Amino acid sequence: MSETYNRARDREKLVDAIMPHVPFDGWSDAAFRAGAGDCGIDVPRALNAFPGGMAEVLAFNHQRADAQMVGAMVRDETGSLKIRERIMRAVQLRLMLVEGQREAIRAGLSFLLLPENAPLGPKLLYGTVDAIWHAIGDRSTDFSYYTKRALLAAVYSATLLYWLNDKSEGHAASWAFLERRIADVMKIPQVTGQIRAIVDRLPNPLSFLSRDAQRAGVPFSMPRRRRLARR
């Protein structure tokens, strides 16, 4: 009796089989075919699992590590730690999960610079930093939502590049570098608070229209200023 087709299982098997070939063949069709052969999946079936080819394989591998990081953070029960410590733990976990893929990641950075893959890089980076903020318990939906993700994207990207070339024992140099970069993220509440204060002090441009309308005897109701939502 033939095995029941399971696309999700095929995707997992293919990625695990393809990844060892990437350091030698790059994110190429050759790596894709070699991995498919290794796990006994013919090419048409492999393409059914990943119709987007190696770009889709890369995205799947990246997003799988994001999900594993979130799961690890839940199991670690880091809620008692300070935000700074939780961010550092999440980034460390995310990088340690792909410890054996450093050469593939280097090749992936070049692969993502190709014009046809250019939109994928920012999408994956955003997914990672969004997953980190959610993993540490941040549920903000206000002004700081995008600021937090933009700043953490810069921190994560810089740390990733440093980590890829770090030869220190236990990546101690990378974690020290990360800790320094996280200091920037921790400035977010002060920055957003200052911006809110500035916005609240700005004159409402509609007030001038209201004044002119009243002078002309035209009924005009000026809407109230909507304040930025606070956490």
Protein backbone atom coordinates (compact mmCIF):
# COMPACT_ATOMS: atom_id res chain seq x y z
CA MET A 1 0.00 0.00 0.00
CA SER A 2 1.43 3.39 -1.03
CA GLU A 3 2.08 6.06 1.54
CA THR A 4 -0.65 8.69 1.84
CA TYR A 5 0.46 11.97 0.30
CA ASN A 6 1.22 14.61 2.91
CA ARG A 7 2.44 17.93 1.50
CA ALA A 8 3.37 19.37 4.89
CA ARG A 9 5.51 16.33 5.63
CA ASP A 10 7.14 16.58 2.20
CA ARG A 11 8.06 20.21 2.87
CA GLU A 12 9.71 19.35 6.18
CA LYS A 13 11.63 16.43 4.68
CA LEU A 14 12.75 18.41 1.64
CA VAL A 15 14.05 21.37 3.62
CA ASP A 16 15.99 19.10 5.98
CA ALA A 17 17.50 17.29 2.98
CA ILE A 18 18.23 20.39 0.90
CA MET A 19 19.95 22.46 3.60
CA PRO A 20 23.17 20.36 3.75
CA HIS A 21 23.67 20.96 0.01
CA VAL A 22 23.30 24.75 0.16
CA PRO A 23 26.82 25.50 1.51
CA PHE A 24 28.26 23.74 -1.55
CA ASP A 25 25.70 24.44 -4.30
CA GLY A 26 24.16 27.68 -3.01
CA TRP A 27 20.43 28.35 -3.14
CA SER A 28 20.30 26.69 -6.52
CA ASP A 29 18.35 24.21 -8.57
CA ALA A 30 21.22 21.77 -8.05
CA ALA A 31 20.75 21.89 -4.26
CA PHE A 32 17.00 21.49 -4.69
CA ARG A 33 17.35 18.40 -6.88
CA ALA A 34 20.06 16.87 -4.71
CA GLY A 35 17.95 17.26 -1.57
CA ALA A 36 14.90 15.81 -3.29
CA GLY A 37 16.96 12.80 -4.36
CA ASP A 38 18.35 12.33 -0.85
CA CYS A 39 14.91 12.04 0.72
CA GLY A 40 13.42 9.95 -2.08
CA ILE A 41 11.03 12.54 -3.48
CA ASP A 42 10.90 12.93 -7.26
CA VAL A 43 11.32 16.41 -8.72
CA PRO A 44 7.68 16.93 -9.85
CA ARG A 45 6.47 16.07 -6.35
CA ALA A 46 9.14 18.31 -4.81
CA LEU A 47 8.02 21.18 -7.03
CA ASN A 48 4.46 20.58 -5.90
CA ALA A 49 5.69 21.05 -2.33
CA PHE A 50 7.72 24.15 -3.21
CA PRO A 51 6.40 25.67 -6.46
CA GLY A 52 8.43 28.79 -5.71
CA GLY A 53 11.65 26.80 -5.83
CA MET A 54 14.59 27.70 -3.63
CA ALA A 55 13.19 31.11 -2.66
CA GLU A 56 10.25 29.32 -1.08
CA VAL A 57 12.57 26.78 0.55
CA LEU A 58 14.58 29.62 2.09
CA ALA A 59 11.42 31.35 3.36
CA PHE A 60 10.09 28.10 4.84
CA ASN A 61 13.36 27.38 6.63
CA HIS A 62 13.53 30.93 7.98
CA GLN A 63 9.92 31.03 9.18
CA ARG A 64 10.25 27.58 10.75
CA ALA A 65 13.13 28.89 12.88
CA ASP A 66 10.98 31.89 13.89
CA ALA A 67 8.24 29.52 15.07
CA GLN A 68 10.74 27.35 16.93
CA MET A 69 12.11 30.42 18.69
CA VAL A 70 8.62 31.45 19.82
CA GLY A 71 7.97 27.93 21.12
CA ALA A 72 11.26 27.89 23.00
CA MET A 73 10.46 31.24 24.62
CA VAL A 74 7.10 29.91 25.80
CA ARG A 75 8.75 26.83 27.30
CA ASP A 76 11.43 28.95 28.98
CA GLU A 77 8.77 31.00 30.81
CA THR A 78 10.75 34.21 30.51
CA GLY A 79 7.90 36.41 31.74
CA SER A 80 9.72 37.20 34.98
CA LEU A 81 12.70 38.68 33.12
CA LYS A 82 13.07 42.34 32.25
CA ILE A 83 12.19 43.34 28.68
CA ARG A 84 15.85 43.88 27.86
CA GLU A 85 16.67 40.35 29.04
CA ARG A 86 13.73 38.83 27.16
CA ILE A 87 14.75 40.51 23.90
CA MET A 88 18.31 39.30 24.31
CA ARG A 89 17.15 35.76 25.09
CA ALA A 90 14.87 35.68 22.04
CA VAL A 91 17.57 36.90 19.65
CA GLN A 92 20.09 34.44 21.09
CA LEU A 93 17.62 31.56 20.71
CA ARG A 94 16.80 32.58 17.15
CA LEU A 95 20.47 32.54 16.14
CA MET A 96 21.33 29.37 18.05
CA LEU A 97 18.53 27.53 16.26
CA VAL A 98 20.41 28.01 12.98
CA GLU A 99 23.90 27.49 14.40
CA GLY A 100 24.61 24.73 11.89
CA GLN A 101 23.42 26.81 8.93
CA ARG A 102 25.86 29.71 9.00
CA GLU A 103 27.29 29.00 5.54
CA ALA A 104 23.78 28.59 4.13
CA ILE A 105 22.75 31.89 5.71
CA ARG A 106 25.75 33.66 4.17
CA ALA A 107 24.75 32.28 0.78
CA GLY A 108 21.16 33.25 1.50
CA LEU A 109 22.07 36.90 2.06
CA SER A 110 23.58 37.01 -1.44
CA PHE A 111 20.60 35.12 -2.84
CA LEU A 112 18.22 37.71 -1.37
CA LEU A 113 20.11 40.52 -3.10
CA LEU A 114 19.08 39.21 -6.51
CA PRO A 115 16.42 41.49 -8.06
CA GLU A 116 13.81 38.73 -8.27
CA ASN A 117 14.25 37.96 -4.56
CA ALA A 118 14.58 41.54 -3.29
CA PRO A 119 11.06 41.77 -1.75
CA LEU A 120 11.57 38.56 0.23
CA GLY A 121 14.40 39.77 2.48
CA PRO A 122 12.52 42.62 4.19
CA LYS A 123 9.44 40.42 4.54
CA LEU A 124 11.40 37.72 6.35
CA LEU A 125 13.21 40.23 8.55
CA TYR A 126 9.93 41.84 9.56
CA GLY A 127 8.49 38.41 10.35
CA THR A 128 11.42 37.64 12.65
CA VAL A 129 11.33 40.88 14.64
CA ASP A 130 7.55 40.72 14.88
CA ALA A 131 7.82 37.16 16.22
CA ILE A 132 10.43 38.30 18.77
CA TRP A 133 8.23 41.12 20.09
CA HIS A 134 5.26 38.77 20.37
CA ALA A 135 7.41 36.08 21.99
CA ILE A 136 8.46 38.46 24.76
CA GLY A 137 4.84 39.39 25.42
CA ASP A 138 4.57 42.75 23.65
CA ARG A 139 1.01 43.39 22.43
CA SER A 140 1.26 47.06 21.55
CA THR A 141 -0.91 48.41 18.74
CA ASP A 142 -0.17 52.10 19.20
CA PHE A 143 2.43 54.47 17.77
CA SER A 144 5.32 52.41 19.17
CA TYR A 145 4.35 49.23 17.27
CA TYR A 146 6.25 50.13 14.11
CA THR A 147 9.02 51.98 15.91
CA LYS A 148 9.82 48.92 18.01
CA ARG A 149 9.98 46.67 14.98
CA ALA A 150 12.09 49.07 12.94
CA LEU A 151 14.66 49.48 15.71
CA LEU A 152 14.78 45.77 16.51
CA ALA A 153 15.21 45.01 12.79
CA ALA A 154 18.35 47.13 12.83
CA VAL A 155 19.59 45.45 16.01
CA TYR A 156 18.86 41.95 14.73
CA SER A 157 20.43 42.56 11.31
CA ALA A 158 23.61 43.99 12.79
CA THR A 159 23.87 41.14 15.31
CA LEU A 160 23.30 38.52 12.61
CA LEU A 161 26.15 39.90 10.50
CA TYR A 162 28.43 40.06 13.54
CA TRP A 163 27.45 36.52 14.60
CA LEU A 164 28.16 35.08 11.14
CA ASN A 165 31.81 36.06 11.52
CA ASP A 166 32.19 35.55 15.27
CA LYS A 167 34.77 32.97 16.29
CA SER A 168 34.70 33.69 20.02
CA GLU A 169 33.97 30.87 22.44
CA GLY A 170 30.25 30.41 22.93
CA HIS A 171 29.69 33.46 20.72
CA ALA A 172 30.48 35.62 23.74
CA ALA A 173 31.50 38.53 21.51
CA SER A 174 28.20 38.35 19.63
CA TRP A 175 26.16 38.42 22.82
CA ALA A 176 28.15 41.38 24.12
CA PHE A 177 27.54 43.14 20.80
CA LEU A 178 23.83 42.30 21.03
CA GLU A 179 23.58 43.64 24.57
CA ARG A 180 25.03 46.97 23.45
CA ARG A 181 22.60 47.17 20.54
CA ILE A 182 19.61 46.36 22.74
CA ALA A 183 20.31 49.56 24.65
CA ASP A 184 19.01 51.36 21.56
CA VAL A 185 15.75 49.42 21.66
CA MET A 186 15.24 50.34 25.29
CA LYS A 187 15.15 54.03 24.37
CA ILE A 188 11.86 53.53 22.55
CA PRO A 189 9.49 54.57 25.37
CA GLN A 190 11.36 57.84 25.86
CA VAL A 191 11.47 58.53 22.12
CA THR A 192 7.79 57.84 21.53
CA GLY A 193 6.85 59.83 24.62
CA GLN A 194 8.74 62.84 23.29
CA ILE A 195 7.08 62.51 19.88
CA ARG A 196 3.63 62.28 21.46
CA ALA A 197 4.30 65.42 23.45
CA ILE A 198 5.40 67.27 20.31
CA VAL A 199 2.36 66.13 18.32
CA ASP A 200 -0.01 67.15 21.10
CA ARG A 201 1.49 70.65 21.14
CA LEU A 202 1.11 71.18 17.40
CA PRO A 203 -1.70 73.55 16.37
CA ASN A 204 -4.65 71.87 14.70
CA PRO A 205 -4.64 73.20 11.11
CA LEU A 206 -8.43 72.93 11.00
CA SER A 207 -8.65 75.63 13.67
CA PHE A 208 -7.69 78.23 11.06
CA LEU A 209 -10.42 76.96 8.73
CA SER A 210 -12.93 77.10 11.59
CA ARG A 211 -11.98 80.70 12.42
CA ASP A 212 -12.30 81.83 8.80
CA ALA A 213 -15.62 80.05 8.38
CA GLN A 214 -17.03 81.74 11.47
CA ARG A 215 -15.94 85.15 10.19
CA ALA A 216 -17.78 84.45 6.94
CA GLY A 217 -20.87 83.31 8.78
CA VAL A 218 -20.56 79.73 7.53
CA PRO A 219 -21.52 76.96 10.02
CA PHE A 220 -18.46 74.84 10.73
CA SER A 221 -17.83 72.26 13.42
CA MET A 222 -14.15 71.51 14.08
CA PRO A 223 -13.46 67.84 14.88
CA ARG A 224 -11.64 67.07 18.08
CA ARG A 225 -7.99 66.11 17.80
CA ARG A 226 -7.51 62.35 18.02
CA ARG A 227 -4.74 61.59 20.44
CA LEU A 228 -2.30 58.81 19.79
CA ALA A 229 -3.37 55.63 21.53
CA ARG A 230 -1.38 54.74 24.59
CA ARG A 231 -0.51 51.32 25.87
